[in-house]
Amino acid sequence: MPATHSKPVPKKNAETTNKLRKWEKKLRNAKTEEQRLKAERMIRIHTPKEKIPKKPGLTENQLLEREVRKSEKLRKNPDFIEQQTQAELKRKHLDKQRQLTREKIKNEAKERQDKEQQEKNKQHETYEQYKKEEAMVNEHLDSHKQLLHGYSEKTGVMETLLEKHKGNKKKANKEHKKQTTNLCYYFEYMINGISKEKEISYEEAQKMYYHTIRMSMDGNSTKDLLQLPASL
């Protein structure tokens, strides 16, 4: 006999795969408060959430128009107008302060540079004047030195100094040079004094003093240069 195929018999009490229905069934069959609360909680979890339809988004032009309207509305707002006015005034004030500060710094820098340049010029002029006066004084001292050397040669001052230092020419020359130098500065001092006192030029005062010195030299037989001023 050919085999017969029978349909499978479904199992009794087969567990449903729908979790929501499963927990609804458990809620109906709950016997304790704990079972009921758990079933209600699970039902809430598995209940599908209602989807809220999304509003259609605005286009780029619509967004731009909305911002323009907001901007126009804001510009008409008195508080906004006052705020903008105060902000502009503050900005202008700050700009003015910055400009004044820059001008002040610039002027101070220029004044400092001018002062430094003036100081340099003054130092240069002072130095040039000093060099000029130094050259002039040296010229005067050379003139006095020649006058004294002539007197020393005429009166034999070096012989006296060599005798004093027992023939030591180095010591004699050193003392002669010292005496000559001191007398040169003394002559310069005296001539300048005469020039100021009589309100005459240095050259005129020098001629007067040299005349007095030569007269003293001609009438003086001393061989000591240090005695020469005492005879004036």
Foldseek 3Di string as FASTA:
>chain_A
DDDDDDDDDDDPPDQDPQQLVNLVVQCVVDDDPVSNVVSVVSNVVSPDDDDDDDDDDDDPVRVVVVVVVVVVVLCPDPVSVVVVVVVVVVVVVVVVVVVVVVVVVVVVVVVVVVVVVVVVVVVVVVVVVVVVVVVVLVVQLVVLLVVVVVLLVVQVLLVVLCVVVVNPNVRSVVVVVVLSNVVSVVLVVQLVVVCVVVVHDSVVSNVVVVVVLVVLSVVDNDSDSVCSVVSD
